[in-house]
Amino acid sequence: MTPQSAIYKFMCSSELNVLLYDRRELSGQRNCHPAQVFGLKEEMRSSFSFIDGSFTNSWTDEEVEVATGNSAHPLAMHPLKLKSSYATIKSSARRRDLNCEPFATSYHSKFIGTVDYLWYSDGVVPTRVLDTLPFDSLRKTGGLPCKVIATVVTLFWLMSPFSWKLPGSFPRIRKKNIAESLLLSTSSLK
């Protein structure tokens, strides 16, 4: 799921009317090809695909039942009050999207976007986050794995320490960017 997706909204708001969304695009990953994200290629649709799409994105009763548990009730709900650590701890617009989530936690030849999150609920609060690379730096890497940042994995790390939230207390919140973390980790190796 991407931060612009129906599923992300569901996680944050605890409810989702599935009939308001195309069932094939609930994850939001359809428009996350690097060429589209970086503005190198626009998605092209023919009039036939538009007509085809208007007939296939409606939900059957069976699909509504699978999604919500009741074919007569299109509202999916969950009891958790979830928040995203990264959306809570603000950062530079160079590093985050409009929802304050990282621009990307996964980046390869077919996809760039955020699909990993650190969710929390009542009783704890994030105190800081390890920020990801700025958008322009992401573009320069060309994807993961990447020799430039010496990684063999295909996603970016997310980290956030949490503290217990006691009634009436407000923990100090701060952010740490990836450059500071790399400096700290390399200096501890000496």
N, C-alpha and C. Protein backbone atom coordinates (compact mmCIF):
# COMPACT_ATOMS: atom_id res chain seq x y z
N MET A 1 0.83 -1.18 0.00
CA MET A 1 0.00 0.00 0.00
C MET A 1 0.87 1.24 0.00
N THR A 2 0.45 2.24 -0.69
CA THR A 2 1.17 3.51 -0.70
C THR A 2 0.41 4.52 0.17
N PRO A 3 1.05 5.61 0.56
CA PRO A 3 0.37 6.60 1.41
C PRO A 3 -0.85 7.25 0.77
N GLN A 4 -0.97 7.18 -0.54
CA GLN A 4 -2.13 7.75 -1.22
C GLN A 4 -3.25 6.73 -1.40
N SER A 5 -3.06 5.53 -0.92
CA SER A 5 -4.00 4.45 -1.20
C SER A 5 -5.18 4.40 -0.23
N ALA A 6 -6.19 3.68 -0.67
CA ALA A 6 -7.37 3.45 0.17
C ALA A 6 -7.00 2.63 1.41
N ILE A 7 -6.09 1.68 1.27
CA ILE A 7 -5.71 0.85 2.42
C ILE A 7 -4.98 1.68 3.47
N TYR A 8 -4.13 2.60 3.04
CA TYR A 8 -3.45 3.50 4.00
C TYR A 8 -4.50 4.32 4.76
N LYS A 9 -5.47 4.86 4.03
CA LYS A 9 -6.53 5.64 4.68
C LYS A 9 -7.30 4.78 5.68
N PHE A 10 -7.53 3.52 5.31
CA PHE A 10 -8.21 2.58 6.19
C PHE A 10 -7.40 2.35 7.47
N MET A 11 -6.11 2.16 7.34
CA MET A 11 -5.26 1.94 8.51
C MET A 11 -5.31 3.14 9.45
N CYS A 12 -5.29 4.34 8.89
CA CYS A 12 -5.27 5.56 9.70
C CYS A 12 -6.63 5.93 10.29
N SER A 13 -7.70 5.69 9.56
CA SER A 13 -9.02 6.16 9.99
C SER A 13 -9.88 5.07 10.63
N SER A 14 -9.47 3.83 10.53
CA SER A 14 -10.19 2.68 11.09
C SER A 14 -11.43 2.28 10.30
N GLU A 15 -11.71 2.95 9.19
CA GLU A 15 -12.86 2.52 8.39
C GLU A 15 -12.66 2.88 6.92
N LEU A 16 -13.33 2.10 6.07
CA LEU A 16 -13.22 2.31 4.63
C LEU A 16 -14.48 1.80 3.95
N ASN A 17 -15.14 2.66 3.21
CA ASN A 17 -16.27 2.24 2.39
C ASN A 17 -15.67 1.72 1.08
N VAL A 18 -15.65 0.41 0.92
CA VAL A 18 -14.97 -0.19 -0.23
C VAL A 18 -15.60 0.19 -1.56
N LEU A 19 -16.89 0.52 -1.56
CA LEU A 19 -17.56 0.87 -2.81
C LEU A 19 -17.08 2.19 -3.40
N LEU A 20 -16.38 2.99 -2.61
CA LEU A 20 -15.87 4.27 -3.11
C LEU A 20 -14.57 4.13 -3.88
N TYR A 21 -14.01 2.91 -3.92
CA TYR A 21 -12.70 2.70 -4.53
C TYR A 21 -12.73 1.58 -5.55
N ASP A 22 -11.89 1.71 -6.55
CA ASP A 22 -11.69 0.64 -7.53
C ASP A 22 -10.98 -0.51 -6.80
N ARG A 23 -11.56 -1.68 -6.81
CA ARG A 23 -11.00 -2.80 -6.07
C ARG A 23 -9.62 -3.20 -6.56
N ARG A 24 -9.29 -2.86 -7.81
CA ARG A 24 -7.98 -3.22 -8.36
C ARG A 24 -6.90 -2.23 -7.97
N GLU A 25 -7.29 -1.12 -7.34
CA GLU A 25 -6.31 -0.09 -7.02
C GLU A 25 -6.29 0.26 -5.53
N LEU A 26 -6.72 -0.65 -4.69
CA LEU A 26 -6.75 -0.38 -3.25
C LEU A 26 -5.37 -0.11 -2.67
N SER A 27 -4.34 -0.73 -3.23
CA SER A 27 -2.98 -0.58 -2.69
C SER A 27 -2.31 0.71 -3.14
N GLY A 28 -2.78 1.31 -4.23
CA GLY A 28 -2.18 2.54 -4.73
C GLY A 28 -0.88 2.35 -5.48
N GLN A 29 -0.51 1.12 -5.79
CA GLN A 29 0.79 0.87 -6.40
C GLN A 29 0.80 0.94 -7.92
N ARG A 30 -0.33 1.14 -8.51
CA ARG A 30 -0.43 1.13 -9.97
C ARG A 30 0.40 2.25 -10.62
N ASN A 31 0.48 3.40 -10.00
CA ASN A 31 1.18 4.54 -10.59
C ASN A 31 2.54 4.79 -9.95
N CYS A 32 3.24 3.73 -9.59
CA CYS A 32 4.52 3.87 -8.90
C CYS A 32 5.71 3.36 -9.70
N HIS A 33 5.59 3.33 -11.01
CA HIS A 33 6.74 2.97 -11.85
C HIS A 33 7.70 4.16 -11.81
N PRO A 34 9.01 3.93 -11.68
CA PRO A 34 9.95 5.05 -11.59
C PRO A 34 9.80 6.08 -12.71
N ALA A 35 9.53 5.64 -13.93
CA ALA A 35 9.37 6.60 -15.04
C ALA A 35 8.17 7.51 -14.81
N GLN A 36 7.11 7.00 -14.20
CA GLN A 36 5.94 7.83 -13.90
C GLN A 36 6.24 8.77 -12.73
N VAL A 37 6.86 8.25 -11.69
CA VAL A 37 7.14 9.05 -10.50
C VAL A 37 8.09 10.19 -10.82
N PHE A 38 9.12 9.92 -11.62
CA PHE A 38 10.09 10.95 -11.96
C PHE A 38 9.65 11.81 -13.14
N GLY A 39 8.44 11.57 -13.66
CA GLY A 39 7.89 12.40 -14.73
C GLY A 39 8.48 12.12 -16.09
N LEU A 40 9.06 10.95 -16.29
CA LEU A 40 9.67 10.63 -17.57
C LEU A 40 8.67 10.03 -18.55
N LYS A 41 7.58 9.48 -18.01
CA LYS A 41 6.58 8.84 -18.86
C LYS A 41 5.21 9.04 -18.22
N GLU A 42 4.26 9.45 -19.01
CA GLU A 42 2.91 9.59 -18.51
C GLU A 42 2.14 8.31 -18.78
N GLU A 43 1.24 7.99 -17.86
CA GLU A 43 0.41 6.81 -18.07
C GLU A 43 -0.54 7.11 -19.21
N MET A 44 -0.58 6.21 -20.17
CA MET A 44 -1.46 6.41 -21.31
C MET A 44 -2.57 5.38 -21.26
N ARG A 45 -3.78 5.85 -21.46
CA ARG A 45 -4.93 4.96 -21.48
C ARG A 45 -5.70 5.20 -22.76
N SER A 46 -6.09 4.14 -23.38
CA SER A 46 -6.93 4.28 -24.57
C SER A 46 -8.38 4.40 -24.12
N SER A 47 -9.23 4.81 -25.03
CA SER A 47 -10.65 4.92 -24.69
C SER A 47 -11.23 3.55 -24.39
N PHE A 48 -10.65 2.49 -24.99
CA PHE A 48 -11.13 1.14 -24.70
C PHE A 48 -10.82 0.73 -23.27
N SER A 49 -9.64 1.08 -22.78
CA SER A 49 -9.31 0.71 -21.40
C SER A 49 -10.17 1.51 -20.42
N PHE A 50 -10.55 2.74 -20.79
CA PHE A 50 -11.43 3.53 -19.93
C PHE A 50 -12.81 2.87 -19.86
N ILE A 51 -13.32 2.46 -21.01
CA ILE A 51 -14.63 1.80 -21.05
C ILE A 51 -14.57 0.48 -20.29
N ASP A 52 -13.51 -0.30 -20.53
CA ASP A 52 -13.33 -1.57 -19.83
C ASP A 52 -13.25 -1.34 -18.32
N GLY A 53 -12.53 -0.31 -17.91
CA GLY A 53 -12.38 -0.01 -16.49
C GLY A 53 -13.68 0.35 -15.82
N SER A 54 -14.57 1.02 -16.55
CA SER A 54 -15.82 1.42 -15.93
C SER A 54 -16.74 0.22 -15.66
N PHE A 55 -16.53 -0.88 -16.38
CA PHE A 55 -17.35 -2.07 -16.15
C PHE A 55 -16.75 -3.02 -15.12
N THR A 56 -15.45 -2.97 -14.91
CA THR A 56 -14.82 -3.97 -14.06
C THR A 56 -14.45 -3.49 -12.67
N ASN A 57 -14.61 -2.21 -12.36
CA ASN A 57 -14.20 -1.77 -11.03
C ASN A 57 -15.33 -1.79 -10.01
N SER A 58 -16.53 -2.21 -10.41
CA SER A 58 -17.60 -2.33 -9.44
C SER A 58 -17.41 -3.61 -8.63
N TRP A 59 -17.94 -3.60 -7.44
CA TRP A 59 -17.76 -4.72 -6.52
C TRP A 59 -18.96 -5.66 -6.59
N THR A 60 -18.70 -6.95 -6.59
CA THR A 60 -19.79 -7.92 -6.49
C THR A 60 -20.13 -8.09 -5.01
N ASP A 61 -21.30 -8.65 -4.74
CA ASP A 61 -21.68 -8.91 -3.35
C ASP A 61 -20.67 -9.82 -2.66
N GLU A 62 -20.18 -10.80 -3.39
CA GLU A 62 -19.19 -11.73 -2.82
C GLU A 62 -17.89 -11.00 -2.45
N GLU A 63 -17.44 -10.09 -3.31
CA GLU A 63 -16.22 -9.33 -3.03
C GLU A 63 -16.41 -8.40 -1.83
N VAL A 64 -17.57 -7.78 -1.72
CA VAL A 64 -17.86 -6.93 -0.57
C VAL A 64 -17.85 -7.76 0.71
N GLU A 65 -18.43 -8.96 0.64
CA GLU A 65 -18.46 -9.83 1.82
C GLU A 65 -17.05 -10.25 2.23
N VAL A 66 -16.22 -10.57 1.26
CA VAL A 66 -14.83 -10.95 1.57
C VAL A 66 -14.09 -9.76 2.19
N ALA A 67 -14.31 -8.57 1.67
CA ALA A 67 -13.60 -7.38 2.15
C ALA A 67 -14.09 -6.90 3.51
N THR A 68 -15.40 -7.01 3.77
CA THR A 68 -15.96 -6.41 4.98
C THR A 68 -16.58 -7.40 5.95
N GLY A 69 -16.84 -8.62 5.47
CA GLY A 69 -17.50 -9.61 6.31
C GLY A 69 -19.00 -9.66 6.15
N ASN A 70 -19.56 -8.72 5.37
CA ASN A 70 -21.01 -8.66 5.20
C ASN A 70 -21.31 -8.03 3.84
N SER A 71 -21.96 -8.78 2.96
CA SER A 71 -22.22 -8.27 1.60
C SER A 71 -23.16 -7.07 1.59
N ALA A 72 -23.97 -6.90 2.63
CA ALA A 72 -24.90 -5.77 2.69
C ALA A 72 -24.29 -4.55 3.36
N HIS A 73 -23.08 -4.69 3.86
CA HIS A 73 -22.44 -3.60 4.61
C HIS A 73 -21.06 -3.32 4.00
N PRO A 74 -20.93 -2.31 3.13
CA PRO A 74 -19.66 -2.08 2.43
C PRO A 74 -18.60 -1.34 3.26
N LEU A 75 -18.86 -1.11 4.53
CA LEU A 75 -17.91 -0.38 5.36
C LEU A 75 -17.01 -1.37 6.12
N ALA A 76 -15.72 -1.38 5.76
CA ALA A 76 -14.74 -2.20 6.49
C ALA A 76 -14.27 -1.39 7.68
N MET A 77 -14.14 -2.03 8.84
CA MET A 77 -13.72 -1.33 10.05
C MET A 77 -12.72 -2.18 10.84
N HIS A 78 -11.86 -1.49 11.58
CA HIS A 78 -10.99 -2.18 12.53
C HIS A 78 -10.96 -1.37 13.83
N PRO A 79 -10.71 -2.02 14.97
CA PRO A 79 -10.81 -1.34 16.25
C PRO A 79 -9.56 -0.57 16.69
N LEU A 80 -8.49 -0.69 15.94
CA LEU A 80 -7.23 -0.07 16.34
C LEU A 80 -7.20 1.41 15.99
N LYS A 81 -6.57 2.19 16.81
CA LYS A 81 -6.37 3.61 16.52
C LYS A 81 -4.89 3.77 16.15
N LEU A 82 -4.60 3.50 14.89
CA LEU A 82 -3.21 3.47 14.44
C LEU A 82 -2.75 4.82 13.91
N LYS A 83 -1.48 5.09 14.17
CA LYS A 83 -0.83 6.27 13.62
C LYS A 83 0.52 5.83 13.07
N SER A 84 0.99 6.54 12.09
CA SER A 84 2.29 6.24 11.50
C SER A 84 3.37 7.07 12.19
N SER A 85 4.46 6.41 12.56
CA SER A 85 5.58 7.11 13.20
C SER A 85 6.11 8.22 12.32
N TYR A 86 6.27 7.93 11.04
CA TYR A 86 6.86 8.91 10.13
C TYR A 86 5.91 10.08 9.89
N ALA A 87 4.61 9.83 9.84
CA ALA A 87 3.65 10.92 9.66
C ALA A 87 3.58 11.78 10.92
N THR A 88 3.90 11.21 12.08
CA THR A 88 3.87 11.95 13.34
C THR A 88 5.09 12.85 13.50
N ILE A 89 6.26 12.34 13.16
CA ILE A 89 7.51 13.09 13.29
C ILE A 89 7.75 13.81 11.96
N LYS A 90 7.57 15.09 11.94
CA LYS A 90 7.68 15.86 10.69
C LYS A 90 9.14 15.96 10.23
N SER A 91 9.30 16.19 8.93
CA SER A 91 10.63 16.30 8.33
C SER A 91 10.57 17.22 7.13
N SER A 92 11.69 17.34 6.47
CA SER A 92 11.82 18.18 5.28
C SER A 92 10.97 17.65 4.13
N ALA A 93 10.42 18.56 3.35
CA ALA A 93 9.65 18.19 2.16
C ALA A 93 10.52 17.47 1.13
N ARG A 94 11.83 17.62 1.23
CA ARG A 94 12.75 16.91 0.32
C ARG A 94 12.78 15.41 0.63
N ARG A 95 12.38 15.03 1.85
CA ARG A 95 12.47 13.64 2.28
C ARG A 95 11.11 12.95 2.38
N ARG A 96 10.03 13.71 2.37
CA ARG A 96 8.71 13.13 2.64
C ARG A 96 7.69 13.55 1.60
N ASP A 97 6.63 12.74 1.49
CA ASP A 97 5.54 13.06 0.58
C ASP A 97 4.50 13.94 1.29
N LEU A 98 3.36 14.13 0.67
CA LEU A 98 2.33 15.01 1.24
C LEU A 98 1.74 14.47 2.54
N ASN A 99 1.82 13.16 2.77
CA ASN A 99 1.34 12.56 4.02
C ASN A 99 2.45 12.50 5.07
N CYS A 100 3.60 13.07 4.77
CA CYS A 100 4.79 13.05 5.64
C CYS A 100 5.41 11.66 5.76
N GLU A 101 5.07 10.76 4.85
CA GLU A 101 5.70 9.45 4.80
C GLU A 101 6.94 9.56 3.92
N PRO A 102 7.92 8.66 4.09
CA PRO A 102 9.09 8.69 3.20
C PRO A 102 8.66 8.57 1.73
N PHE A 103 9.43 9.19 0.84
CA PHE A 103 9.13 9.07 -0.59
C PHE A 103 9.19 7.62 -1.03
N ALA A 104 10.15 6.88 -0.49
CA ALA A 104 10.28 5.49 -0.92
C ALA A 104 10.90 4.64 0.17
N THR A 105 10.35 3.45 0.35
CA THR A 105 11.00 2.43 1.17
C THR A 105 11.40 1.26 0.29
N SER A 106 10.95 1.28 -0.96
CA SER A 106 11.33 0.26 -1.94
C SER A 106 11.55 0.96 -3.27
N TYR A 107 12.62 0.58 -3.95
CA TYR A 107 12.94 1.22 -5.22
C TYR A 107 13.73 0.25 -6.07
N HIS A 108 13.15 -0.13 -7.21
CA HIS A 108 13.84 -0.98 -8.18
C HIS A 108 13.34 -0.60 -9.57
N SER A 109 13.68 -1.35 -10.57
CA SER A 109 13.38 -0.96 -11.95
C SER A 109 11.89 -0.85 -12.26
N LYS A 110 11.03 -1.51 -11.50
CA LYS A 110 9.60 -1.50 -11.79
C LYS A 110 8.76 -0.72 -10.78
N PHE A 111 9.36 -0.29 -9.68
CA PHE A 111 8.57 0.34 -8.62
C PHE A 111 9.42 1.28 -7.77
N ILE A 112 8.84 2.41 -7.43
CA ILE A 112 9.40 3.28 -6.40
C ILE A 112 8.23 3.79 -5.57
N GLY A 113 8.33 3.59 -4.27
CA GLY A 113 7.26 4.06 -3.40
C GLY A 113 7.42 3.55 -1.99
N THR A 114 6.53 3.99 -1.15
CA THR A 114 6.53 3.58 0.25
C THR A 114 5.54 2.45 0.44
N VAL A 115 6.03 1.34 0.94
CA VAL A 115 5.18 0.18 1.22
C VAL A 115 5.40 -0.34 2.64
N ASP A 116 6.32 0.27 3.36
CA ASP A 116 6.62 -0.16 4.73
C ASP A 116 6.32 0.99 5.68
N TYR A 117 5.78 0.65 6.82
CA TYR A 117 5.36 1.66 7.79
C TYR A 117 5.67 1.18 9.20
N LEU A 118 5.79 2.11 10.11
CA LEU A 118 5.90 1.80 11.53
C LEU A 118 4.65 2.38 12.19
N TRP A 119 3.69 1.51 12.46
CA TRP A 119 2.42 1.92 13.05
C TRP A 119 2.51 1.81 14.57
N TYR A 120 1.79 2.66 15.26
CA TYR A 120 1.69 2.57 16.71
C TYR A 120 0.29 2.97 17.12
N SER A 121 -0.06 2.66 18.36
CA SER A 121 -1.39 2.99 18.86
C SER A 121 -1.27 3.63 20.24
N ASP A 122 -2.41 3.83 20.88
CA ASP A 122 -2.44 4.48 22.18
C ASP A 122 -1.50 3.81 23.18
N GLY A 123 -0.89 4.61 24.01
CA GLY A 123 -0.02 4.09 25.05
C GLY A 123 1.46 4.24 24.75
N VAL A 124 1.80 4.41 23.48
CA VAL A 124 3.20 4.65 23.11
C VAL A 124 3.25 5.82 22.15
N VAL A 125 4.44 6.38 22.01
CA VAL A 125 4.63 7.49 21.08
C VAL A 125 6.05 7.40 20.52
N PRO A 126 6.21 7.67 19.22
CA PRO A 126 7.57 7.67 18.66
C PRO A 126 8.34 8.88 19.18
N THR A 127 9.60 8.69 19.48
CA THR A 127 10.41 9.81 19.96
C THR A 127 11.27 10.41 18.86
N ARG A 128 11.56 9.63 17.84
CA ARG A 128 12.30 10.11 16.67
C ARG A 128 12.20 9.04 15.59
N VAL A 129 12.68 9.38 14.40
CA VAL A 129 12.70 8.42 13.29
C VAL A 129 14.03 8.54 12.56
N LEU A 130 14.44 7.46 11.95
CA LEU A 130 15.59 7.48 11.07
C LEU A 130 15.07 7.90 9.71
N ASP A 131 15.44 9.09 9.26
CA ASP A 131 14.89 9.59 8.02
C ASP A 131 15.53 8.91 6.82
N THR A 132 14.79 8.85 5.75
CA THR A 132 15.27 8.23 4.52
C THR A 132 15.93 9.28 3.64
N LEU A 133 16.42 8.84 2.49
CA LEU A 133 17.11 9.73 1.58
C LEU A 133 16.18 10.78 0.98
N PRO A 134 16.70 11.98 0.69
CA PRO A 134 15.90 12.97 -0.03
C PRO A 134 15.55 12.47 -1.43
N PHE A 135 14.48 13.01 -1.99
CA PHE A 135 13.98 12.58 -3.29
C PHE A 135 15.06 12.65 -4.37
N ASP A 136 15.81 13.75 -4.43
CA ASP A 136 16.83 13.89 -5.47
C ASP A 136 17.95 12.85 -5.31
N SER A 137 18.28 12.49 -4.09
CA SER A 137 19.29 11.45 -3.86
C SER A 137 18.76 10.07 -4.25
N LEU A 138 17.49 9.83 -3.98
CA LEU A 138 16.87 8.56 -4.40
C LEU A 138 16.99 8.39 -5.91
N ARG A 139 16.69 9.45 -6.61
CA ARG A 139 16.72 9.39 -8.07
C ARG A 139 18.12 9.05 -8.58
N LYS A 140 19.13 9.60 -7.94
CA LYS A 140 20.52 9.36 -8.36
C LYS A 140 20.95 7.91 -8.15
N THR A 141 20.37 7.22 -7.17
CA THR A 141 20.78 5.84 -6.90
C THR A 141 20.38 4.90 -8.03
N GLY A 142 19.28 5.21 -8.72
CA GLY A 142 18.81 4.34 -9.79
C GLY A 142 18.12 3.08 -9.29
N GLY A 143 17.93 2.96 -8.00
CA GLY A 143 17.24 1.80 -7.43
C GLY A 143 18.14 0.99 -6.52
N LEU A 144 17.56 -0.01 -5.90
CA LEU A 144 18.29 -0.88 -4.99
C LEU A 144 18.28 -2.30 -5.54
N PRO A 145 19.27 -3.10 -5.24
CA PRO A 145 20.48 -2.76 -4.49
C PRO A 145 21.33 -1.73 -5.24
N CYS A 146 22.17 -1.04 -4.48
CA CYS A 146 22.91 0.08 -5.05
C CYS A 146 24.31 0.15 -4.45
N LYS A 147 25.32 0.26 -5.30
CA LYS A 147 26.71 0.37 -4.82
C LYS A 147 26.96 1.70 -4.13
N VAL A 148 26.23 2.75 -4.54
CA VAL A 148 26.44 4.08 -3.98
C VAL A 148 26.20 4.11 -2.48
N ILE A 149 25.18 3.41 -2.02
CA ILE A 149 24.90 3.40 -0.58
C ILE A 149 25.21 2.04 0.05
N ALA A 150 25.99 1.25 -0.65
CA ALA A 150 26.52 -0.02 -0.14
C ALA A 150 25.46 -0.88 0.53
N THR A 151 24.46 -1.25 -0.23
CA THR A 151 23.42 -2.12 0.31
C THR A 151 23.14 -3.26 -0.64
N VAL A 152 22.80 -4.40 -0.09
CA VAL A 152 22.41 -5.54 -0.91
C VAL A 152 20.91 -5.80 -0.78
N VAL A 153 20.25 -5.02 0.05
CA VAL A 153 18.81 -5.18 0.22
C VAL A 153 18.08 -4.31 -0.79
N THR A 154 16.80 -4.57 -0.97
CA THR A 154 16.03 -3.81 -1.96
C THR A 154 15.04 -2.85 -1.31
N LEU A 155 15.26 -2.51 -0.06
CA LEU A 155 14.40 -1.53 0.58
C LEU A 155 15.20 -0.69 1.56
N PHE A 156 14.64 0.44 1.92
CA PHE A 156 15.29 1.34 2.87
C PHE A 156 14.82 1.01 4.28
N TRP A 157 15.71 1.15 5.23
CA TRP A 157 15.38 0.86 6.61
C TRP A 157 14.50 1.94 7.20
N LEU A 158 13.59 1.51 8.04
CA LEU A 158 12.79 2.42 8.85
C LEU A 158 13.07 2.07 10.31
N MET A 159 13.31 3.08 11.11
CA MET A 159 13.54 2.85 12.53
C MET A 159 12.91 3.97 13.33
N SER A 160 12.37 3.60 14.47
CA SER A 160 11.78 4.59 15.36
C SER A 160 11.72 4.03 16.77
N PRO A 161 12.43 4.66 17.70
CA PRO A 161 12.25 4.24 19.10
C PRO A 161 10.93 4.81 19.63
N PHE A 162 10.33 4.09 20.54
CA PHE A 162 9.07 4.51 21.14
C PHE A 162 9.25 4.66 22.64
N SER A 163 8.44 5.49 23.22
CA SER A 163 8.41 5.57 24.68
C SER A 163 6.97 5.41 25.13
N TRP A 164 6.82 4.97 26.37
CA TRP A 164 5.49 4.83 26.93
C TRP A 164 4.90 6.20 27.13
N LYS A 165 3.67 6.35 26.80
CA LYS A 165 2.99 7.64 26.99
C LYS A 165 2.15 7.54 28.26
N LEU A 166 2.60 8.22 29.28
CA LEU A 166 1.88 8.23 30.54
C LEU A 166 0.84 9.33 30.50
N PRO A 167 -0.27 9.17 31.19
CA PRO A 167 -1.30 10.22 31.19
C PRO A 167 -0.72 11.57 31.61
N GLY A 168 -0.96 12.58 30.80
CA GLY A 168 -0.49 13.93 31.09
C GLY A 168 0.96 14.19 30.73
N SER A 169 1.67 13.21 30.18
CA SER A 169 3.08 13.43 29.83
C SER A 169 3.22 13.67 28.34
N PHE A 170 4.22 14.43 27.99
CA PHE A 170 4.51 14.73 26.59
C PHE A 170 5.98 14.48 26.36
N PRO A 171 6.34 13.31 25.80
CA PRO A 171 7.76 13.02 25.57
C PRO A 171 8.37 13.96 24.54
N ARG A 172 9.65 14.20 24.70
CA ARG A 172 10.36 15.04 23.75
C ARG A 172 10.48 14.30 22.42
N ILE A 173 10.10 14.95 21.35
CA ILE A 173 10.15 14.33 20.03
C ILE A 173 11.24 15.02 19.21
N ARG A 174 12.10 14.21 18.61
CA ARG A 174 13.12 14.77 17.73
C ARG A 174 13.34 13.83 16.57
N LYS A 175 13.95 14.34 15.53
CA LYS A 175 14.20 13.51 14.36
C LYS A 175 15.70 13.34 14.16
N LYS A 176 16.05 12.28 13.49
CA LYS A 176 17.45 12.02 13.18
C LYS A 176 17.50 11.64 11.71
N ASN A 177 18.36 12.30 10.97
CA ASN A 177 18.40 11.94 9.56
C ASN A 177 19.44 10.85 9.31
N ILE A 178 19.37 10.28 8.14
CA ILE A 178 20.20 9.13 7.82
C ILE A 178 21.69 9.47 7.81
N ALA A 179 22.03 10.70 7.42
CA ALA A 179 23.44 11.10 7.41
C ALA A 179 24.01 11.08 8.83
N GLU A 180 23.28 11.62 9.79
CA GLU A 180 23.74 11.59 11.18
C GLU A 180 23.92 10.16 11.66
N SER A 181 22.98 9.31 11.31
CA SER A 181 23.05 7.91 11.75
C SER A 181 24.24 7.20 11.15
N LEU A 182 24.51 7.46 9.86
CA LEU A 182 25.65 6.83 9.22
C LEU A 182 26.96 7.32 9.85
N LEU A 183 27.03 8.61 10.16
CA LEU A 183 28.23 9.13 10.81
C LEU A 183 28.43 8.49 12.17
N LEU A 184 27.35 8.37 12.92
CA LEU A 184 27.45 7.75 14.24
C LEU A 184 27.86 6.29 14.14
N SER A 185 27.28 5.56 13.19
CA SER A 185 27.59 4.14 13.09
C SER A 185 29.01 3.91 12.58
N THR A 186 29.51 4.77 11.68
CA THR A 186 30.88 4.58 11.19
C THR A 186 31.90 5.03 12.22
N SER A 187 31.57 6.05 13.02
CA SER A 187 32.52 6.49 14.03
C SER A 187 32.64 5.47 15.16
N SER A 188 31.60 4.69 15.39
CA SER A 188 31.67 3.68 16.45
C SER A 188 32.49 2.47 16.01
N LEU A 189 32.77 2.35 14.70
CA LEU A 189 33.56 1.23 14.21
C LEU A 189 35.06 1.46 14.39
N LYS A 190 35.46 2.71 14.62
CA LYS A 190 36.89 3.03 14.73
C LYS A 190 37.46 2.60 16.06
